[in-house]
Structures are given as structure tokens and as C-alpha cells.
Amino acid sequence: MQRRIETLATATVVAGLLTLVWGLPTQAQNIQGDRQAATQLAACEAGDRIDSTTAADARKKIEAAGYRQVRNLVKGCDNFWHASAVSKDGGQGSVVVTPKGEVWPEGN
């Protein structure tokens, strides 16, 4: 777990440099989501089983469900991904990706 957090921290620094030099905000946003997920995972219980889905996986599923401008991806210890996004009808809201890959508006 510690090694994964260190790897994600290094990737975040690299992504930040790439953003400054070449203007790659999409990669930086993916890394930011992974870093947030790592922070969330650090608070998980020792017995929690964390799957291998990534922020990029969750973003693809959310966008495939018709959402756009996906931001603030965070993975919970229950393997649900939470994010903010703009829905098909243009409304801003929260969405969740279940461990089975289903995308739902959050809170419904």
C-alpha cells in the first residue's frame, strides 16, 4: 500500500511538470484522481479488499454513460468511484460508478 501511494505521489509530480511544460491537463487530472484515491485508500481498514480499477477506468465508464466534464474522482474503500460531472441534460451533479461498472446519479 505504501509503495502504491509513493508511486502515485511521484506520478502526480511528473504530471504537474508535464502540465507546466506541455500543457497536458487531462493526464494531470487523471493523476489527481488517482492521488485522491490513494489518500482515501490510506484510511481504509486492514481487511478491506480494494479492486484494481483506476480513475481512468471510472472516467471512461462515466463518459460512456453520457456524462461530460468529469472531475474530482475519488474511490472509496467499498470500491465505488465518486465524481462530479455534467449530465446529458446539462445539469451539474454527482455520479457514482459501482464495483460492477454501473453508473448512477449519486443520491438516488
PDB file of N, CA and C in Angstrom:
ATOM      1  N   MET A   1       0.827  -1.183   0.000  1.00  0.00           N
ATOM      2  CA  MET A   1       0.000   0.000   0.000  1.00  0.00           C
ATOM      3  C   MET A   1       0.876   1.253   0.000  1.00  0.00           C
ATOM      4  N   GLN A   2       1.884   1.271   0.881  1.00  0.00           N
ATOM      5  CA  GLN A   2       2.764   2.442   0.966  1.00  0.00           C
ATOM      6  C   GLN A   2       3.473   2.656  -0.367  1.00  0.00           C
ATOM      7  N   ARG A   3       3.904   1.558  -1.005  1.00  0.00           N
ATOM      8  CA  ARG A   3       4.601   1.673  -2.293  1.00  0.00           C
ATOM      9  C   ARG A   3       3.676   2.286  -3.353  1.00  0.00           C
ATOM     10  N   ARG A   4       2.402   1.885  -3.342  1.00  0.00           N
ATOM     11  CA  ARG A   4       1.447   2.435  -4.309  1.00  0.00           C
ATOM     12  C   ARG A   4       1.259   3.934  -4.079  1.00  0.00           C
ATOM     13  N   ILE A   5       1.158   4.341  -2.830  1.00  0.00           N
ATOM     14  CA  ILE A   5       0.988   5.757  -2.522  1.00  0.00           C
ATOM     15  C   ILE A   5       2.210   6.539  -2.974  1.00  0.00           C
ATOM     16  N   GLU A   6       3.411   5.987  -2.733  1.00  0.00           N
ATOM     17  CA  GLU A   6       4.634   6.663  -3.177  1.00  0.00           C
ATOM     18  C   GLU A   6       4.671   6.772  -4.698  1.00  0.00           C
ATOM     19  N   THR A   7       4.267   5.708  -5.387  1.00  0.00           N
ATOM     20  CA  THR A   7       4.242   5.722  -6.851  1.00  0.00           C
ATOM     21  C   THR A   7       3.264   6.775  -7.356  1.00  0.00           C
ATOM     22  N   LEU A   8       2.093   6.853  -6.745  1.00  0.00           N
ATOM     23  CA  LEU A   8       1.105   7.841  -7.152  1.00  0.00           C
ATOM     24  C   LEU A   8       1.596   9.256  -6.866  1.00  0.00           C
ATOM     25  N   ALA A   9       2.293   9.446  -5.768  1.00  0.00           N
ATOM     26  CA  ALA A   9       2.830  10.769  -5.454  1.00  0.00           C
ATOM     27  C   ALA A   9       3.864  11.178  -6.500  1.00  0.00           C
ATOM     28  N   THR A  10       4.733  10.252  -6.890  1.00  0.00           N
ATOM     29  CA  THR A  10       5.720  10.536  -7.932  1.00  0.00           C
ATOM     30  C   THR A  10       5.028  10.853  -9.243  1.00  0.00           C
ATOM     31  N   ALA A  11       4.014  10.083  -9.592  1.00  0.00           N
ATOM     32  CA  ALA A  11       3.275  10.316 -10.840  1.00  0.00           C
ATOM     33  C   ALA A  11       2.602  11.687 -10.818  1.00  0.00           C
ATOM     34  N   THR A  12       2.135  12.108  -9.659  1.00  0.00           N
ATOM     35  CA  THR A  12       1.498  13.417  -9.551  1.00  0.00           C
ATOM     36  C   THR A  12       2.498  14.531  -9.832  1.00  0.00           C
ATOM     37  N   VAL A  13       3.700  14.406  -9.293  1.00  0.00           N
ATOM     38  CA  VAL A  13       4.738  15.408  -9.536  1.00  0.00           C
ATOM     39  C   VAL A  13       5.086  15.447 -11.017  1.00  0.00           C
ATOM     40  N   VAL A  14       5.275  14.272 -11.629  1.00  0.00           N
ATOM     41  CA  VAL A  14       5.600  14.207 -13.059  1.00  0.00           C
ATOM     42  C   VAL A  14       4.478  14.821 -13.885  1.00  0.00           C
ATOM     43  N   ALA A  15       3.239  14.494 -13.561  1.00  0.00           N
ATOM     44  CA  ALA A  15       2.099  15.044 -14.301  1.00  0.00           C
ATOM     45  C   ALA A  15       2.051  16.557 -14.175  1.00  0.00           C
ATOM     46  N   GLY A  16       2.355  17.058 -12.986  1.00  0.00           N
ATOM     47  CA  GLY A  16       2.383  18.508 -12.791  1.00  0.00           C
ATOM     48  C   GLY A  16       3.426  19.170 -13.662  1.00  0.00           C
ATOM     49  N   LEU A  17       4.605  18.568 -13.751  1.00  0.00           N
ATOM     50  CA  LEU A  17       5.659  19.107 -14.608  1.00  0.00           C
ATOM     51  C   LEU A  17       5.260  19.049 -16.076  1.00  0.00           C
ATOM     52  N   LEU A  18       4.653  17.946 -16.491  1.00  0.00           N
ATOM     53  CA  LEU A  18       4.202  17.826 -17.880  1.00  0.00           C
ATOM     54  C   LEU A  18       3.147  18.870 -18.206  1.00  0.00           C
ATOM     55  N   THR A  19       2.281  19.141 -17.242  1.00  0.00           N
ATOM     56  CA  THR A  19       1.255  20.155 -17.452  1.00  0.00           C
ATOM     57  C   THR A  19       1.892  21.527 -17.651  1.00  0.00           C
ATOM     58  N   LEU A  20       2.887  21.836 -16.825  1.00  0.00           N
ATOM     59  CA  LEU A  20       3.568  23.123 -16.946  1.00  0.00           C
ATOM     60  C   LEU A  20       4.314  23.247 -18.273  1.00  0.00           C
ATOM     61  N   VAL A  21       4.997  22.181 -18.670  1.00  0.00           N
ATOM     62  CA  VAL A  21       5.844  22.233 -19.857  1.00  0.00           C
ATOM     63  C   VAL A  21       5.036  22.072 -21.135  1.00  0.00           C
ATOM     64  N   TRP A  22       4.168  21.057 -21.190  1.00  0.00           N
ATOM     65  CA  TRP A  22       3.469  20.747 -22.438  1.00  0.00           C
ATOM     66  C   TRP A  22       1.967  20.978 -22.383  1.00  0.00           C
ATOM     67  N   GLY A  23       1.455  21.403 -21.257  1.00  0.00           N
ATOM     68  CA  GLY A  23       0.023  21.663 -21.147  1.00  0.00           C
ATOM     69  C   GLY A  23      -0.817  20.419 -21.308  1.00  0.00           C
ATOM     70  N   LEU A  24      -0.601  19.424 -20.470  1.00  0.00           N
ATOM     71  CA  LEU A  24      -1.348  18.177 -20.535  1.00  0.00           C
ATOM     72  C   LEU A  24      -2.306  18.046 -19.355  1.00  0.00           C
ATOM     73  N   PRO A  25      -3.348  18.877 -19.300  1.00  0.00           N
ATOM     74  CA  PRO A  25      -4.229  18.858 -18.135  1.00  0.00           C
ATOM     75  C   PRO A  25      -4.997  17.556 -17.967  1.00  0.00           C
ATOM     76  N   THR A  26      -5.320  16.853 -19.054  1.00  0.00           N
ATOM     77  CA  THR A  26      -6.095  15.624 -18.930  1.00  0.00           C
ATOM     78  C   THR A  26      -5.314  14.587 -18.137  1.00  0.00           C
ATOM     79  N   GLN A  27      -4.045  14.394 -18.460  1.00  0.00           N
ATOM     80  CA  GLN A  27      -3.219  13.454 -17.721  1.00  0.00           C
ATOM     81  C   GLN A  27      -3.106  13.889 -16.267  1.00  0.00           C
ATOM     82  N   ALA A  28      -2.912  15.164 -16.040  1.00  0.00           N
ATOM     83  CA  ALA A  28      -2.774  15.663 -14.676  1.00  0.00           C
ATOM     84  C   ALA A  28      -4.059  15.405 -13.894  1.00  0.00           C
ATOM     85  N   GLN A  29      -5.208  15.567 -14.529  1.00  0.00           N
ATOM     86  CA  GLN A  29      -6.477  15.322 -13.850  1.00  0.00           C
ATOM     87  C   GLN A  29      -6.621  13.852 -13.499  1.00  0.00           C
ATOM     88  N   ASN A  30      -6.194  12.946 -14.404  1.00  0.00           N
ATOM     89  CA  ASN A  30      -6.252  11.513 -14.103  1.00  0.00           C
ATOM     90  C   ASN A  30      -5.369  11.184 -12.918  1.00  0.00           C
ATOM     91  N   ILE A  31      -4.160  11.741 -12.908  1.00  0.00           N
ATOM     92  CA  ILE A  31      -3.239  11.500 -11.806  1.00  0.00           C
ATOM     93  C   ILE A  31      -3.803  12.090 -10.520  1.00  0.00           C
ATOM     94  N   GLN A  32      -4.415  13.272 -10.619  1.00  0.00           N
ATOM     95  CA  GLN A  32      -5.020  13.897  -9.439  1.00  0.00           C
ATOM     96  C   GLN A  32      -6.089  12.980  -8.861  1.00  0.00           C
ATOM     97  N   GLY A  33      -6.919  12.385  -9.710  1.00  0.00           N
ATOM     98  CA  GLY A  33      -7.938  11.450  -9.242  1.00  0.00           C
ATOM     99  C   GLY A  33      -7.315  10.246  -8.562  1.00  0.00           C
ATOM    100  N   ASP A  34      -6.215   9.721  -9.134  1.00  0.00           N
ATOM    101  CA  ASP A  34      -5.522   8.598  -8.521  1.00  0.00           C
ATOM    102  C   ASP A  34      -4.917   8.983  -7.182  1.00  0.00           C
ATOM    103  N   ARG A  35      -4.384  10.224  -7.087  1.00  0.00           N
ATOM    104  CA  ARG A  35      -3.800  10.675  -5.832  1.00  0.00           C
ATOM    105  C   ARG A  35      -4.886  10.792  -4.766  1.00  0.00           C
ATOM    106  N   GLN A  36      -6.044  11.331  -5.152  1.00  0.00           N
ATOM    107  CA  GLN A  36      -7.152  11.432  -4.204  1.00  0.00           C
ATOM    108  C   GLN A  36      -7.591  10.039  -3.772  1.00  0.00           C
ATOM    109  N   ALA A  37      -7.618   9.112  -4.720  1.00  0.00           N
ATOM    110  CA  ALA A  37      -7.989   7.739  -4.394  1.00  0.00           C
ATOM    111  C   ALA A  37      -6.988   7.135  -3.416  1.00  0.00           C
ATOM    112  N   ALA A  38      -5.706   7.405  -3.626  1.00  0.00           N
ATOM    113  CA  ALA A  38      -4.678   6.875  -2.728  1.00  0.00           C
ATOM    114  C   ALA A  38      -4.862   7.431  -1.323  1.00  0.00           C
ATOM    115  N   THR A  39      -5.197   8.698  -1.229  1.00  0.00           N
ATOM    116  CA  THR A  39      -5.433   9.304   0.076  1.00  0.00           C
ATOM    117  C   THR A  39      -6.626   8.642   0.744  1.00  0.00           C
ATOM    118  N   GLN A  40      -7.678   8.398  -0.026  1.00  0.00           N
ATOM    119  CA  GLN A  40      -8.858   7.738   0.504  1.00  0.00           C
ATOM    120  C   GLN A  40      -8.523   6.314   0.937  1.00  0.00           C
ATOM    121  N   LEU A  41      -7.738   5.597   0.121  1.00  0.00           N
ATOM    122  CA  LEU A  41      -7.382   4.218   0.440  1.00  0.00           C
ATOM    123  C   LEU A  41      -6.551   4.130   1.715  1.00  0.00           C
ATOM    124  N   ALA A  42      -5.769   5.153   1.981  1.00  0.00           N
ATOM    125  CA  ALA A  42      -4.936   5.144   3.175  1.00  0.00           C
ATOM    126  C   ALA A  42      -5.801   5.058   4.434  1.00  0.00           C
ATOM    127  N   ALA A  43      -7.055   5.496   4.356  1.00  0.00           N
ATOM    128  CA  ALA A  43      -7.949   5.475   5.504  1.00  0.00           C
ATOM    129  C   ALA A  43      -8.754   4.183   5.600  1.00  0.00           C
ATOM    130  N   CYS A  44      -8.588   3.271   4.658  1.00  0.00           N
ATOM    131  CA  CYS A  44      -9.334   2.015   4.660  1.00  0.00           C
ATOM    132  C   CYS A  44      -8.885   1.113   5.801  1.00  0.00           C
ATOM    133  N   GLU A  45      -9.751   0.215   6.168  1.00  0.00           N
ATOM    134  CA  GLU A  45      -9.439  -0.763   7.203  1.00  0.00           C
ATOM    135  C   GLU A  45      -8.519  -1.842   6.631  1.00  0.00           C
ATOM    136  N   ALA A  46      -7.781  -2.490   7.479  1.00  0.00           N
ATOM    137  CA  ALA A  46      -6.824  -3.510   7.045  1.00  0.00           C
ATOM    138  C   ALA A  46      -7.495  -4.647   6.285  1.00  0.00           C
ATOM    139  N   GLY A  47      -8.711  -5.000   6.618  1.00  0.00           N
ATOM    140  CA  GLY A  47      -9.395  -6.112   5.968  1.00  0.00           C
ATOM    141  C   GLY A  47     -10.121  -5.750   4.679  1.00  0.00           C
ATOM    142  N   ASP A  48     -10.175  -4.461   4.338  1.00  0.00           N
ATOM    143  CA  ASP A  48     -10.875  -4.047   3.118  1.00  0.00           C
ATOM    144  C   ASP A  48     -10.161  -4.585   1.892  1.00  0.00           C
ATOM    145  N   ARG A  49     -10.934  -5.109   0.936  1.00  0.00           N
ATOM    146  CA  ARG A  49     -10.368  -5.606  -0.320  1.00  0.00           C
ATOM    147  C   ARG A  49     -10.586  -4.540  -1.383  1.00  0.00           C
ATOM    148  N   ILE A  50      -9.504  -3.958  -1.853  1.00  0.00           N
ATOM    149  CA  ILE A  50      -9.566  -2.893  -2.841  1.00  0.00           C
ATOM    150  C   ILE A  50      -9.299  -3.481  -4.215  1.00  0.00           C
ATOM    151  N   ASP A  51     -10.197  -3.210  -5.165  1.00  0.00           N
ATOM    152  CA  ASP A  51     -10.001  -3.733  -6.514  1.00  0.00           C
ATOM    153  C   ASP A  51      -8.999  -2.871  -7.284  1.00  0.00           C
ATOM    154  N   SER A  52      -8.697  -3.265  -8.502  1.00  0.00           N
ATOM    155  CA  SER A  52      -7.637  -2.592  -9.269  1.00  0.00           C
ATOM    156  C   SER A  52      -8.155  -1.530 -10.234  1.00  0.00           C
ATOM    157  N   THR A  53      -9.420  -1.139 -10.117  1.00  0.00           N
ATOM    158  CA  THR A  53      -9.919  -0.101 -11.023  1.00  0.00           C
ATOM    159  C   THR A  53      -9.209   1.218 -10.760  1.00  0.00           C
ATOM    160  N   THR A  54      -9.052   2.003 -11.829  1.00  0.00           N
ATOM    161  CA  THR A  54      -8.346   3.279 -11.727  1.00  0.00           C
ATOM    162  C   THR A  54      -9.303   4.432 -12.014  1.00  0.00           C
ATOM    163  N   ALA A  55      -8.815   5.639 -11.777  1.00  0.00           N
ATOM    164  CA  ALA A  55      -9.601   6.830 -12.097  1.00  0.00           C
ATOM    165  C   ALA A  55      -9.898   6.878 -13.590  1.00  0.00           C
ATOM    166  N   ALA A  56      -8.935   6.463 -14.407  1.00  0.00           N
ATOM    167  CA  ALA A  56      -9.151   6.444 -15.864  1.00  0.00           C
ATOM    168  C   ALA A  56     -10.272   5.471 -16.231  1.00  0.00           C
ATOM    169  N   ASP A  57     -10.315   4.304 -15.575  1.00  0.00           N
ATOM    170  CA  ASP A  57     -11.394   3.332 -15.815  1.00  0.00           C
ATOM    171  C   ASP A  57     -12.747   3.950 -15.476  1.00  0.00           C
ATOM    172  N   ALA A  58     -12.819   4.583 -14.312  1.00  0.00           N
ATOM    173  CA  ALA A  58     -14.077   5.187 -13.858  1.00  0.00           C
ATOM    174  C   ALA A  58     -14.500   6.313 -14.795  1.00  0.00           C
ATOM    175  N   ARG A  59     -13.547   7.148 -15.211  1.00  0.00           N
ATOM    176  CA  ARG A  59     -13.852   8.255 -16.124  1.00  0.00           C
ATOM    177  C   ARG A  59     -14.446   7.723 -17.440  1.00  0.00           C
ATOM    178  N   LYS A  60     -13.861   6.670 -17.982  1.00  0.00           N
ATOM    179  CA  LYS A  60     -14.362   6.086 -19.236  1.00  0.00           C
ATOM    180  C   LYS A  60     -15.803   5.602 -19.082  1.00  0.00           C
ATOM    181  N   LYS A  61     -16.079   4.944 -17.970  1.00  0.00           N
ATOM    182  CA  LYS A  61     -17.444   4.441 -17.749  1.00  0.00           C
ATOM    183  C   LYS A  61     -18.444   5.588 -17.597  1.00  0.00           C
ATOM    184  N   ILE A  62     -18.046   6.627 -16.885  1.00  0.00           N
ATOM    185  CA  ILE A  62     -18.927   7.782 -16.686  1.00  0.00           C
ATOM    186  C   ILE A  62     -19.197   8.468 -18.022  1.00  0.00           C
ATOM    187  N   GLU A  63     -18.150   8.678 -18.806  1.00  0.00           N
ATOM    188  CA  GLU A  63     -18.322   9.322 -20.114  1.00  0.00           C
ATOM    189  C   GLU A  63     -19.132   8.449 -21.060  1.00  0.00           C
ATOM    190  N   ALA A  64     -18.956   7.132 -20.996  1.00  0.00           N
ATOM    191  CA  ALA A  64     -19.742   6.220 -21.837  1.00  0.00           C
ATOM    192  C   ALA A  64     -21.224   6.265 -21.471  1.00  0.00           C
ATOM    193  N   ALA A  65     -21.520   6.629 -20.223  1.00  0.00           N
ATOM    194  CA  ALA A  65     -22.909   6.745 -19.776  1.00  0.00           C
ATOM    195  C   ALA A  65     -23.528   8.085 -20.168  1.00  0.00           C
ATOM    196  N   GLY A  66     -22.746   8.932 -20.863  1.00  0.00           N
ATOM    197  CA  GLY A  66     -23.291  10.186 -21.364  1.00  0.00           C
ATOM    198  C   GLY A  66     -22.932  11.425 -20.574  1.00  0.00           C
ATOM    199  N   TYR A  67     -22.113  11.291 -19.562  1.00  0.00           N
ATOM    200  CA  TYR A  67     -21.699  12.449 -18.771  1.00  0.00           C
ATOM    201  C   TYR A  67     -20.456  13.070 -19.393  1.00  0.00           C
ATOM    202  N   ARG A  68     -20.222  14.349 -19.078  1.00  0.00           N
ATOM    203  CA  ARG A  68     -19.018  15.023 -19.547  1.00  0.00           C
ATOM    204  C   ARG A  68     -18.468  15.897 -18.425  1.00  0.00           C
ATOM    205  N   GLN A  69     -17.282  16.443 -18.663  1.00  0.00           N
ATOM    206  CA  GLN A  69     -16.608  17.284 -17.664  1.00  0.00           C
ATOM    207  C   GLN A  69     -16.516  16.567 -16.306  1.00  0.00           C
ATOM    208  N   VAL A  70     -16.010  15.352 -16.339  1.00  0.00           N
ATOM    209  CA  VAL A  70     -15.873  14.537 -15.133  1.00  0.00           C
ATOM    210  C   VAL A  70     -14.718  15.082 -14.292  1.00  0.00           C
ATOM    211  N   ARG A  71     -15.002  15.340 -13.021  1.00  0.00           N
ATOM    212  CA  ARG A  71     -13.994  15.902 -12.115  1.00  0.00           C
ATOM    213  C   ARG A  71     -14.079  15.235 -10.741  1.00  0.00           C
ATOM    214  N   ASN A  72     -13.032  15.456  -9.970  1.00  0.00           N
ATOM    215  CA  ASN A  72     -12.997  15.055  -8.557  1.00  0.00           C
ATOM    216  C   ASN A  72     -13.283  13.570  -8.339  1.00  0.00           C
ATOM    217  N   LEU A  73     -12.657  12.719  -9.136  1.00  0.00           N
ATOM    218  CA  LEU A  73     -12.833  11.279  -8.955  1.00  0.00           C
ATOM    219  C   LEU A  73     -12.169  10.820  -7.661  1.00  0.00           C
ATOM    220  N   VAL A  74     -12.947  10.141  -6.826  1.00  0.00           N
ATOM    221  CA  VAL A  74     -12.438   9.613  -5.568  1.00  0.00           C
ATOM    222  C   VAL A  74     -12.993   8.208  -5.394  1.00  0.00           C
ATOM    223  N   LYS A  75     -12.109   7.287  -5.029  1.00  0.00           N
ATOM    224  CA  LYS A  75     -12.507   5.894  -4.820  1.00  0.00           C
ATOM    225  C   LYS A  75     -12.647   5.623  -3.333  1.00  0.00           C
ATOM    226  N   GLY A  76     -13.764   5.020  -2.978  1.00  0.00           N
ATOM    227  CA  GLY A  76     -13.987   4.661  -1.588  1.00  0.00           C
ATOM    228  C   GLY A  76     -13.457   3.274  -1.269  1.00  0.00           C
ATOM    229  N   CYS A  77     -13.371   2.967   0.007  1.00  0.00           N
ATOM    230  CA  CYS A  77     -12.906   1.651   0.450  1.00  0.00           C
ATOM    231  C   CYS A  77     -13.841   0.538   0.005  1.00  0.00           C
ATOM    232  N   ASP A  78     -15.054   0.901  -0.380  1.00  0.00           N
ATOM    233  CA  ASP A  78     -16.037  -0.067  -0.862  1.00  0.00           C
ATOM    234  C   ASP A  78     -15.935  -0.274  -2.372  1.00  0.00           C
ATOM    235  N   ASN A  79     -14.903   0.316  -3.015  1.00  0.00           N
ATOM    236  CA  ASN A  79     -14.637   0.201  -4.454  1.00  0.00           C
ATOM    237  C   ASN A  79     -15.624   0.959  -5.329  1.00  0.00           C
ATOM    238  N   PHE A  80     -16.402   1.852  -4.752  1.00  0.00           N
ATOM    239  CA  PHE A  80     -17.265   2.744  -5.519  1.00  0.00           C
ATOM    240  C   PHE A  80     -16.460   3.990  -5.856  1.00  0.00           C
ATOM    241  N   TRP A  81     -16.547   4.458  -7.108  1.00  0.00           N
ATOM    242  CA  TRP A  81     -15.908   5.698  -7.537  1.00  0.00           C
ATOM    243  C   TRP A  81     -16.946   6.802  -7.494  1.00  0.00           C
ATOM    244  N   HIS A  82     -16.613   7.940  -6.927  1.00  0.00           N
ATOM    245  CA  HIS A  82     -17.497   9.089  -6.825  1.00  0.00           C
ATOM    246  C   HIS A  82     -16.888  10.235  -7.620  1.00  0.00           C
ATOM    247  N   ALA A  83     -17.734  11.009  -8.317  1.00  0.00           N
ATOM    248  CA  ALA A  83     -17.227  12.122  -9.125  1.00  0.00           C
ATOM    249  C   ALA A  83     -18.306  13.182  -9.294  1.00  0.00           C
ATOM    250  N   SER A  84     -17.867  14.340  -9.776  1.00  0.00           N
ATOM    251  CA  SER A  84     -18.774  15.396 -10.222  1.00  0.00           C
ATOM    252  C   SER A  84     -18.747  15.367 -11.738  1.00  0.00           C
ATOM    253  N   ALA A  85     -19.903  15.619 -12.354  1.00  0.00           N
ATOM    254  CA  ALA A  85     -19.964  15.603 -13.813  1.00  0.00           C
ATOM    255  C   ALA A  85     -21.182  16.382 -14.285  1.00  0.00           C
ATOM    256  N   VAL A  86     -21.180  16.694 -15.571  1.00  0.00           N
ATOM    257  CA  VAL A  86     -22.322  17.342 -16.209  1.00  0.00           C
ATOM    258  C   VAL A  86     -23.121  16.239 -16.907  1.00  0.00           C
ATOM    259  N   SER A  87     -24.417  16.183 -16.616  1.00  0.00           N
ATOM    260  CA  SER A  87     -25.278  15.138 -17.166  1.00  0.00           C
ATOM    261  C   SER A  87     -25.680  15.435 -18.604  1.00  0.00           C
ATOM    262  N   LYS A  88     -26.364  14.483 -19.203  1.00  0.00           N
ATOM    263  CA  LYS A  88     -26.836  14.617 -20.586  1.00  0.00           C
ATOM    264  C   LYS A  88     -27.693  15.862 -20.783  1.00  0.00           C
ATOM    265  N   ASP A  89     -28.488  16.202 -19.764  1.00  0.00           N
ATOM    266  CA  ASP A  89     -29.381  17.365 -19.878  1.00  0.00           C
ATOM    267  C   ASP A  89     -28.699  18.672 -19.478  1.00  0.00           C
ATOM    268  N   GLY A  90     -27.395  18.612 -19.177  1.00  0.00           N
ATOM    269  CA  GLY A  90     -26.644  19.823 -18.872  1.00  0.00           C
ATOM    270  C   GLY A  90     -26.567  20.175 -17.403  1.00  0.00           C
ATOM    271  N   GLY A  91     -27.168  19.373 -16.555  1.00  0.00           N
ATOM    272  CA  GLY A  91     -27.132  19.655 -15.121  1.00  0.00           C
ATOM    273  C   GLY A  91     -25.856  19.156 -14.472  1.00  0.00           C
ATOM    274  N   GLN A  92     -25.340  19.943 -13.545  1.00  0.00           N
ATOM    275  CA  GLN A  92     -24.142  19.562 -12.775  1.00  0.00           C
ATOM    276  C   GLN A  92     -24.587  18.704 -11.610  1.00  0.00           C
ATOM    277  N   GLY A  93     -23.884  17.613 -11.355  1.00  0.00           N
ATOM    278  CA  GLY A  93     -24.240  16.778 -10.227  1.00  0.00           C
ATOM    279  C   GLY A  93     -23.169  15.765  -9.909  1.00  0.00           C
ATOM    280  N   SER A  94     -23.480  14.886  -8.983  1.00  0.00           N
ATOM    281  CA  SER A  94     -22.562  13.838  -8.570  1.00  0.00           C
ATOM    282  C   SER A  94     -22.994  12.515  -9.158  1.00  0.00           C
ATOM    283  N   VAL A  95     -22.006  11.699  -9.503  1.00  0.00           N
ATOM    284  CA  VAL A  95     -22.271  10.363 -10.034  1.00  0.00           C
ATOM    285  C   VAL A  95     -21.423   9.362  -9.279  1.00  0.00           C
ATOM    286  N   VAL A  96     -21.829   8.110  -9.362  1.00  0.00           N
ATOM    287  CA  VAL A  96     -21.085   7.034  -8.723  1.00  0.00           C
ATOM    288  C   VAL A  96     -20.954   5.885  -9.719  1.00  0.00           C
ATOM    289  N   VAL A  97     -19.786   5.246  -9.717  1.00  0.00           N
ATOM    290  CA  VAL A  97     -19.555   4.036 -10.511  1.00  0.00           C
ATOM    291  C   VAL A  97     -19.455   2.896  -9.509  1.00  0.00           C
ATOM    292  N   THR A  98     -20.338   1.911  -9.651  1.00  0.00           N
ATOM    293  CA  THR A  98     -20.350   0.775  -8.737  1.00  0.00           C
ATOM    294  C   THR A  98     -19.208  -0.185  -9.069  1.00  0.00           C
ATOM    295  N   PRO A  99     -18.890  -1.084  -8.160  1.00  0.00           N
ATOM    296  CA  PRO A  99     -17.864  -2.084  -8.459  1.00  0.00           C
ATOM    297  C   PRO A  99     -18.204  -2.947  -9.681  1.00  0.00           C
ATOM    298  N   LYS A 100     -19.493  -3.041 -10.020  1.00  0.00           N
ATOM    299  CA  LYS A 100     -19.908  -3.791 -11.213  1.00  0.00           C
ATOM    300  C   LYS A 100     -19.824  -2.956 -12.485  1.00  0.00           C
ATOM    301  N   GLY A 101     -19.442  -1.675 -12.357  1.00  0.00           N
ATOM    302  CA  GLY A 101     -19.290  -0.811 -13.518  1.00  0.00           C
ATOM    303  C   GLY A 101     -20.532  -0.032 -13.897  1.00  0.00           C
ATOM    304  N   GLU A 102     -21.565  -0.077 -13.070  1.00  0.00           N
ATOM    305  CA  GLU A 102     -22.777   0.679 -13.340  1.00  0.00           C
ATOM    306  C   GLU A 102     -22.579   2.128 -12.938  1.00  0.00           C
ATOM    307  N   VAL A 103     -23.140   3.052 -13.720  1.00  0.00           N
ATOM    308  CA  VAL A 103     -23.026   4.473 -13.425  1.00  0.00           C
ATOM    309  C   VAL A 103     -24.401   4.997 -13.026  1.00  0.00           C
ATOM    310  N   TRP A 104     -24.462   5.619 -11.844  1.00  0.00           N
ATOM    311  CA  TRP A 104     -25.713   6.148 -11.320  1.00  0.00           C
ATOM    312  C   TRP A 104     -25.530   7.579 -10.887  1.00  0.00           C
ATOM    313  N   PRO A 105     -26.602   8.382 -10.963  1.00  0.00           N
ATOM    314  CA  PRO A 105     -26.543   9.696 -10.317  1.00  0.00           C
ATOM    315  C   PRO A 105     -26.440   9.444  -8.804  1.00  0.00           C
ATOM    316  N   GLU A 106     -25.575  10.132  -8.147  1.00  0.00           N
ATOM    317  CA  GLU A 106     -25.395   9.890  -6.717  1.00  0.00           C
ATOM    318  C   GLU A 106     -26.528  10.506  -5.933  1.00  0.00           C
ATOM    319  N   GLY A 107     -26.957   9.771  -4.906  1.00  0.00           N
ATOM    320  CA  GLY A 107     -28.022  10.254  -4.041  1.00  0.00           C
ATOM    321  C   GLY A 107     -29.386   9.764  -4.463  1.00  0.00           C
ATOM    322  N   ASN A 108     -29.456   8.984  -5.523  1.00  0.00           N
ATOM    323  CA  ASN A 108     -30.764   8.447  -5.958  1.00  0.00           C
ATOM    324  C   ASN A 108     -30.849   6.970  -5.658  1.00  0.00           C
TER     325      ASN A 108
END
